[in-house]
Every structure is written in structure tokens, then in C-alpha cells.
């Protein structure tokens, strides 16, 4: 029986897949939060450090994991 966030072995995921999925979800959440906070900010020229870091990791993560598999 799976409870809150547990993954079934039947998913066929190895440890790296699980880590990538968790990091991807966390990055997406941070980007969403930063976007919502940014909509209430009147300084449209301001780019939050959180969004810069999360976007960078979001685009680099697939490249890093791809290099581990090949």
C-alpha cells in the first residue's frame, strides 16, 4: 500500500529517476511561487534570484541526467 509520496516498485523507477522527479517537482513549485509573487510586484524589471536559479536548474537537469545514462 502506498501512502503520501511513496513510489511503487512497479513504477520501474531507479533511484536516479526518483531524484530527478522530486527535483523537477520542487523546481516547478518554486517557479510557480515566484511567478505568483512576481505578479504582485510593481517592479517588472526585477528578476528574482529564485527564478534565475530554478530556471537554470530546470534546463540543466535533463542534460545532467542524460549524460549519466549515456
C-alpha atoms as a PDB file:
ATOM      1  CA  UNK A   1       0.000   0.000   0.000  1.00  0.00           C
ATOM      2  CA  UNK A   2       1.378   3.399  -1.000  1.00  0.00           C
ATOM      3  CA  UNK A   3       0.974   6.405   1.204  1.00  0.00           C
ATOM      4  CA  UNK A   4       1.712  10.080   0.581  1.00  0.00           C
ATOM      5  CA  UNK A   5       4.544  10.288  -1.887  1.00  0.00           C
ATOM      6  CA  UNK A   6       5.679   6.663  -1.778  1.00  0.00           C
ATOM      7  CA  UNK A   7       6.506   5.100  -5.113  1.00  0.00           C
ATOM      8  CA  UNK A   8       5.532   1.589  -6.069  1.00  0.00           C
ATOM      9  CA  UNK A   9       8.334  -0.666  -7.231  1.00  0.00           C
ATOM     10  CA  UNK A  10       6.040  -1.415 -10.170  1.00  0.00           C
ATOM     11  CA  UNK A  11       6.737   2.085 -11.479  1.00  0.00           C
ATOM     12  CA  UNK A  12      10.056   0.718 -12.709  1.00  0.00           C
ATOM     13  CA  UNK A  13      11.950   3.760 -11.474  1.00  0.00           C
ATOM     14  CA  UNK A  14      15.511   3.583 -10.302  1.00  0.00           C
ATOM     15  CA  UNK A  15      16.927   5.893  -7.644  1.00  0.00           C
ATOM     16  CA  UNK A  16      18.128   8.490 -10.159  1.00  0.00           C
ATOM     17  CA  UNK A  17      14.674   8.661 -11.777  1.00  0.00           C
ATOM     18  CA  UNK A  18      13.102   9.264  -8.371  1.00  0.00           C
ATOM     19  CA  UNK A  19      15.589  12.022  -7.527  1.00  0.00           C
ATOM     20  CA  UNK A  20      15.031  13.701 -10.898  1.00  0.00           C
ATOM     21  CA  UNK A  21      11.255  13.548 -10.451  1.00  0.00           C
ATOM     22  CA  UNK A  22      11.445  15.056  -6.955  1.00  0.00           C
ATOM     23  CA  UNK A  23      13.809  17.846  -8.029  1.00  0.00           C
ATOM     24  CA  UNK A  24      11.687  18.613 -11.067  1.00  0.00           C
ATOM     25  CA  UNK A  25       8.558  18.890  -8.924  1.00  0.00           C
ATOM     26  CA  UNK A  26      10.325  21.128  -6.416  1.00  0.00           C
ATOM     27  CA  UNK A  27      11.686  23.386  -9.149  1.00  0.00           C
ATOM     28  CA  UNK A  28       8.275  23.663 -10.770  1.00  0.00           C
ATOM     29  CA  UNK A  29       6.750  24.591  -7.417  1.00  0.00           C
ATOM     30  CA  UNK A  30       9.389  27.254  -6.773  1.00  0.00           C
ATOM     31  CA  UNK A  31       8.887  28.715 -10.236  1.00  0.00           C
ATOM     32  CA  UNK A  32       5.116  28.833  -9.698  1.00  0.00           C
ATOM     33  CA  UNK A  33       5.524  30.534  -6.308  1.00  0.00           C
ATOM     34  CA  UNK A  34       7.976  33.058  -7.708  1.00  0.00           C
ATOM     35  CA  UNK A  35       5.629  33.775 -10.619  1.00  0.00           C
ATOM     36  CA  UNK A  36       2.704  34.402  -8.254  1.00  0.00           C
ATOM     37  CA  UNK A  37       4.787  36.664  -6.018  1.00  0.00           C
ATOM     38  CA  UNK A  38       6.085  38.481  -9.084  1.00  0.00           C
ATOM     39  CA  UNK A  39       2.567  39.334 -10.292  1.00  0.00           C
ATOM     40  CA  UNK A  40       2.080  41.495  -7.197  1.00  0.00           C
ATOM     41  CA  UNK A  41       5.450  43.192  -7.600  1.00  0.00           C
ATOM     42  CA  UNK A  42       5.249  46.559  -9.352  1.00  0.00           C
ATOM     43  CA  UNK A  43       8.903  46.420 -10.371  1.00  0.00           C
ATOM     44  CA  UNK A  44       8.587  44.444 -13.595  1.00  0.00           C
ATOM     45  CA  UNK A  45      12.311  44.842 -14.326  1.00  0.00           C
ATOM     46  CA  UNK A  46      13.218  42.868 -11.198  1.00  0.00           C
ATOM     47  CA  UNK A  47      14.132  39.231 -11.815  1.00  0.00           C
ATOM     48  CA  UNK A  48      14.123  37.220  -8.614  1.00  0.00           C
ATOM     49  CA  UNK A  49      17.261  35.189  -7.853  1.00  0.00           C
ATOM     50  CA  UNK A  50      14.978  32.242  -7.058  1.00  0.00           C
ATOM     51  CA  UNK A  51      13.560  32.192 -10.581  1.00  0.00           C
ATOM     52  CA  UNK A  52      17.011  32.552 -12.146  1.00  0.00           C
ATOM     53  CA  UNK A  53      18.382  29.602 -10.173  1.00  0.00           C
ATOM     54  CA  UNK A  54      15.340  27.388 -10.643  1.00  0.00           C
ATOM     55  CA  UNK A  55      15.122  28.051 -14.368  1.00  0.00           C
ATOM     56  CA  UNK A  56      18.801  27.309 -14.737  1.00  0.00           C
ATOM     57  CA  UNK A  57      18.466  24.025 -12.880  1.00  0.00           C
ATOM     58  CA  UNK A  58      15.246  23.185 -14.717  1.00  0.00           C
ATOM     59  CA  UNK A  59      17.045  23.354 -18.064  1.00  0.00           C
ATOM     60  CA  UNK A  60      20.298  21.778 -16.869  1.00  0.00           C
ATOM     61  CA  UNK A  61      18.755  18.823 -15.038  1.00  0.00           C
ATOM     62  CA  UNK A  62      17.785  16.877 -18.197  1.00  0.00           C
ATOM     63  CA  UNK A  63      21.279  17.405 -19.649  1.00  0.00           C
ATOM     64  CA  UNK A  64      22.921  16.154 -16.469  1.00  0.00           C
ATOM     65  CA  UNK A  65      20.717  13.078 -16.199  1.00  0.00           C
ATOM     66  CA  UNK A  66      21.036  12.310 -19.913  1.00  0.00           C
ATOM     67  CA  UNK A  67      24.834  12.322 -19.585  1.00  0.00           C
ATOM     68  CA  UNK A  68      24.576   9.825 -16.711  1.00  0.00           C
ATOM     69  CA  UNK A  69      22.629   7.358 -18.840  1.00  0.00           C
ATOM     70  CA  UNK A  70      24.843   7.509 -21.948  1.00  0.00           C
END
